[in-house]
Protein backbone atom coordinates (compact mmCIF):
# COMPACT_ATOMS: atom_id res chain seq x y z
CA VAL A 1 0.00 0.00 0.00
CA ARG A 2 2.83 2.41 0.88
CA SER A 3 4.57 1.92 -2.47
CA ARG A 4 1.26 2.44 -4.29
CA GLY A 5 0.69 5.68 -2.34
CA LEU A 6 4.19 6.93 -3.02
CA GLY A 7 3.73 5.95 -6.65
CA ASP A 8 0.68 8.24 -6.74
CA ALA A 9 2.71 11.05 -5.19
CA TYR A 10 5.56 10.56 -7.70
CA LYS A 11 3.10 10.47 -10.60
CA ARG A 12 1.50 13.73 -9.49
CA GLN A 13 4.84 15.45 -8.98
CA ALA A 14 5.91 14.30 -12.44
CA MET A 15 2.73 15.83 -13.87
CA ALA A 16 3.55 19.00 -11.95
CA GLY A 17 6.95 19.06 -13.63
CA HIS A 18 5.28 19.13 -17.04
CA TYR A 19 3.05 22.02 -15.93
CA GLU A 20 6.07 23.85 -14.50
CA GLN A 21 7.87 23.53 -17.84
CA ALA A 22 4.76 24.73 -19.67
CA GLY A 23 4.52 27.75 -17.36
CA ASP A 24 1.14 26.75 -15.90
CA ALA A 25 1.82 27.58 -12.25
CA ALA A 26 -1.77 27.00 -11.10
CA GLU A 27 -1.87 23.41 -12.39
CA ALA A 28 1.65 22.75 -11.11
CA ILE A 29 0.58 23.91 -7.64
CA ARG A 30 -2.54 21.73 -7.78
CA CYS A 31 -0.51 18.62 -8.71
CA LEU A 32 2.21 19.35 -6.16
CA GLU A 33 -0.33 19.84 -3.39
CA GLN A 34 -1.95 16.51 -4.30
CA ALA A 35 1.48 14.86 -4.32
CA ALA A 36 2.23 16.38 -0.91
CA LEU A 37 -1.06 15.16 0.52
CA ALA A 38 -0.46 11.65 -0.82
CA ALA A 39 3.08 11.56 0.60
CA GLY A 40 1.89 13.04 3.91
CA ARG A 41 -0.72 10.31 4.34
CA LEU A 42 2.18 7.84 4.24
CA HIS A 43 4.27 9.90 6.68
CA ALA A 44 6.80 10.54 3.91
CA HIS A 45 7.37 14.01 5.30
CA GLN A 46 10.65 14.74 3.54
CA GLU A 47 8.95 14.21 0.17
CA THR A 48 5.98 16.27 1.37
CA ILE A 49 8.30 19.13 2.33
CA GLY A 50 9.95 19.01 -1.10
CA TYR A 51 6.66 19.07 -2.98
CA LEU A 52 5.34 21.94 -0.89
CA GLY A 53 8.55 23.90 -1.38
CA ARG A 54 8.12 23.57 -5.13
CA ALA A 55 4.43 24.53 -4.89
CA LEU A 56 5.28 27.63 -2.86
CA ALA A 57 7.95 28.59 -5.40
CA GLN A 58 5.35 28.28 -8.15
CA SER A 59 2.92 30.42 -6.15
CA GLN A 60 5.40 33.30 -6.38
CA LYS A 61 4.83 33.33 -10.14
CA MET A 62 1.12 34.07 -9.73
CA PRO A 63 -0.92 36.95 -8.36
CA ALA A 64 -1.43 36.74 -4.61
CA GLN A 65 -3.42 33.64 -3.69
CA ASN A 66 -3.66 34.04 0.07
CA GLY A 67 -5.90 31.00 0.60
CA THR A 68 -3.66 28.71 -1.45
CA GLU A 69 -0.45 30.01 0.08
CA ALA A 70 -1.88 29.75 3.59
CA ARG A 71 -2.96 26.15 2.97
CA LEU A 72 0.47 25.22 1.52
CA GLN A 73 2.34 26.89 4.38
CA GLU A 74 0.17 25.11 6.97
CA LEU A 75 0.77 21.74 5.31
CA LEU A 76 4.48 22.52 5.23
CA GLY A 77 4.43 23.40 8.93
CA ASP A 78 2.65 20.14 9.75
CA SER A 79 5.33 18.08 7.98
CA LEU A 80 8.15 20.11 9.49
CA MET A 81 6.68 19.49 12.96
CA ALA A 82 6.51 15.76 12.22
CA ARG A 83 10.21 15.85 11.26
CA GLY A 84 11.14 17.69 14.45
CA GLN A 85 12.03 20.90 12.63
CA HIS A 86 10.09 23.05 15.08
CA GLU A 87 11.61 26.45 14.32
CA ALA A 88 10.98 26.05 10.59
CA ALA A 89 7.47 24.83 11.38
CA GLU A 90 6.82 27.96 13.44
CA GLN A 91 7.93 30.08 10.48
CA ALA A 92 5.62 28.19 8.12
CA PHE A 93 2.64 28.45 10.48
CA SER A 94 3.34 32.17 10.99
CA ALA A 95 3.50 32.68 7.22
CA ALA A 96 0.17 30.89 6.86
CA LEU A 97 -1.31 33.01 9.63
CA GLU A 98 -0.24 36.21 7.85
CA ARG A 99 -2.25 35.09 4.82
CA ARG A 100 -5.48 34.50 6.75
CA HIS A 101 -7.88 37.42 7.08
CA ALA A 102 -9.14 38.53 10.50
CA GLU A 103 -12.66 37.28 9.75
CA GLN A 104 -11.29 33.75 9.17
CA ARG A 105 -11.38 33.10 12.89
CA LEU A 106 -11.31 29.30 12.91
CA PRO A 107 -8.32 28.86 10.55
CA ARG A 108 -6.50 31.69 12.36
CA ALA A 109 -7.09 30.10 15.77
CA VAL A 110 -5.88 26.71 14.52
CA LEU A 111 -2.72 28.32 13.16
CA GLN A 112 -2.14 30.30 16.35
CA ARG A 113 -2.37 27.06 18.31
CA LYS A 114 0.05 25.37 15.91
CA VAL A 115 2.50 28.27 16.38
CA ALA A 116 2.12 27.71 20.13
CA ASP A 117 2.82 23.99 19.74
CA SER A 118 5.97 24.66 17.71
CA LEU A 119 7.18 27.09 20.38
CA ARG A 120 6.34 24.65 23.17
CA ALA A 121 8.31 21.92 21.40
CA ARG A 122 11.33 24.24 21.59
CA MET A 123 10.58 24.95 25.28
CA VAL A 124 9.79 28.62 24.60
CA THR A 125 6.90 28.36 27.00
CA ALA A 126 6.16 32.06 27.64
CA GLN A 127 5.72 32.77 23.92
CA ALA A 128 3.85 29.50 23.47
CA GLU A 129 1.42 30.49 26.21
CA THR A 130 0.87 33.89 24.58
CA ALA A 131 0.19 32.25 21.22
CA VAL A 132 -2.30 29.72 22.60
CA ILE A 133 -4.11 32.45 24.55
CA GLN A 134 -4.39 34.37 21.26
CA ALA A 135 -5.92 31.27 19.70
CA LEU A 136 -8.50 31.04 22.47
CA GLU A 137 -9.27 34.77 22.18
CA THR A 138 -9.67 34.40 18.41
CA LEU A 139 -12.19 31.61 18.94
CA GLY A 140 -14.07 33.52 21.62
CA THR A 141 -16.14 32.20 24.47
CA LEU A 142 -17.14 28.57 24.09
CA ALA A 143 -20.79 28.22 23.14
CA PRO A 144 -22.83 24.99 23.27
CA ASP A 145 -24.07 25.51 19.71
CA TRP A 146 -20.61 25.74 18.17
CA PRO A 147 -19.97 23.41 15.22
CA ALA A 148 -17.77 20.43 15.99
CA ALA A 149 -14.73 21.94 14.24
CA TRP A 150 -14.86 24.97 16.54
CA GLN A 151 -15.28 22.80 19.63
CA HIS A 152 -12.31 20.66 18.60
CA ALA A 153 -10.19 23.76 17.95
CA TRP A 154 -11.13 25.04 21.41
CA LEU A 155 -10.24 21.70 23.01
CA ASP A 156 -6.95 21.47 21.08
CA SER A 157 -6.04 24.95 22.33
CA GLN A 158 -6.99 24.05 25.89
CA LEU A 159 -4.84 20.88 25.69
CA SER A 160 -1.95 22.92 24.33
CA LEU A 161 -2.27 25.35 27.23
CA MET A 162 -2.48 22.45 29.67
CA SER A 163 0.76 20.99 28.32
CA ILE A 164 2.46 24.36 28.83
CA LEU A 165 1.24 24.46 32.43
CA TYR A 166 2.59 20.94 32.89
CA LEU A 167 6.01 21.94 31.53
CA ARG A 168 6.07 24.91 33.91
CA GLY A 169 5.12 22.67 36.82
CA ASP A 170 1.87 24.57 37.47
CA TYR A 171 -0.07 21.53 38.62
CA HIS A 172 -2.70 23.59 40.46
CA GLY A 173 -3.51 25.51 37.26
CA LEU A 174 -3.47 22.25 35.32
CA ALA A 175 -5.99 20.67 37.72
CA GLY A 176 -8.28 23.68 37.39
CA MET A 177 -8.14 23.55 33.60
CA THR A 178 -8.85 19.82 33.64
CA GLU A 179 -12.05 20.47 35.58
CA ALA A 180 -13.03 23.32 33.24
CA VAL A 181 -12.47 21.28 30.06
CA GLN A 182 -14.15 18.10 31.28
CA PRO A 183 -17.80 19.09 30.50
CA THR A 184 -16.93 20.02 26.90
CA LEU A 185 -14.91 16.86 26.43
CA ALA A 186 -17.79 14.78 27.80
CA SER A 187 -20.31 16.48 25.49
CA ILE A 188 -18.18 15.92 22.38
CA GLY A 189 -17.20 12.42 23.37
CA THR A 190 -13.96 10.60 22.99
CA ALA A 191 -12.49 8.60 20.17
CA ALA A 192 -13.63 4.99 20.03
């Protein structure tokens, strides 16, 4: 299965090469993003990083495509995190965040939390805490009628903040957060 999946990624990147040579940046980006997604599903993060680097280079040849560039940068950050390249991941997530408009609250909050996670991985806990608090402020006050994606983003941010408290040794704060998060976690349920 893995070789079939990588074969799909290689096929798509080869198609992207033809589009790159033809000067069709939009199609090259589309193929490279598909190749990156296929490689990422197989945890072939080095290949994913390469495909996304090429896609981002192609995006420079086009008029500003904030949504596309933000998506590519976020995918790049995810693969860099998986490879343990936390500082580069922070830069990619920050670049993606710059391309998201203020009214895009959910994607912004997710990216702010990912910035926090990349900082936490480098033990820059004060900045990580600031970033995750920004994510929670971007989301706003938890409401029972929030769609599942918003509730999950809120929980992910809370868990990120809890891990920072743990690293700091703030077990009292951690216990308080655990109690505060429990009702939301119970209402959403847990993975089977």
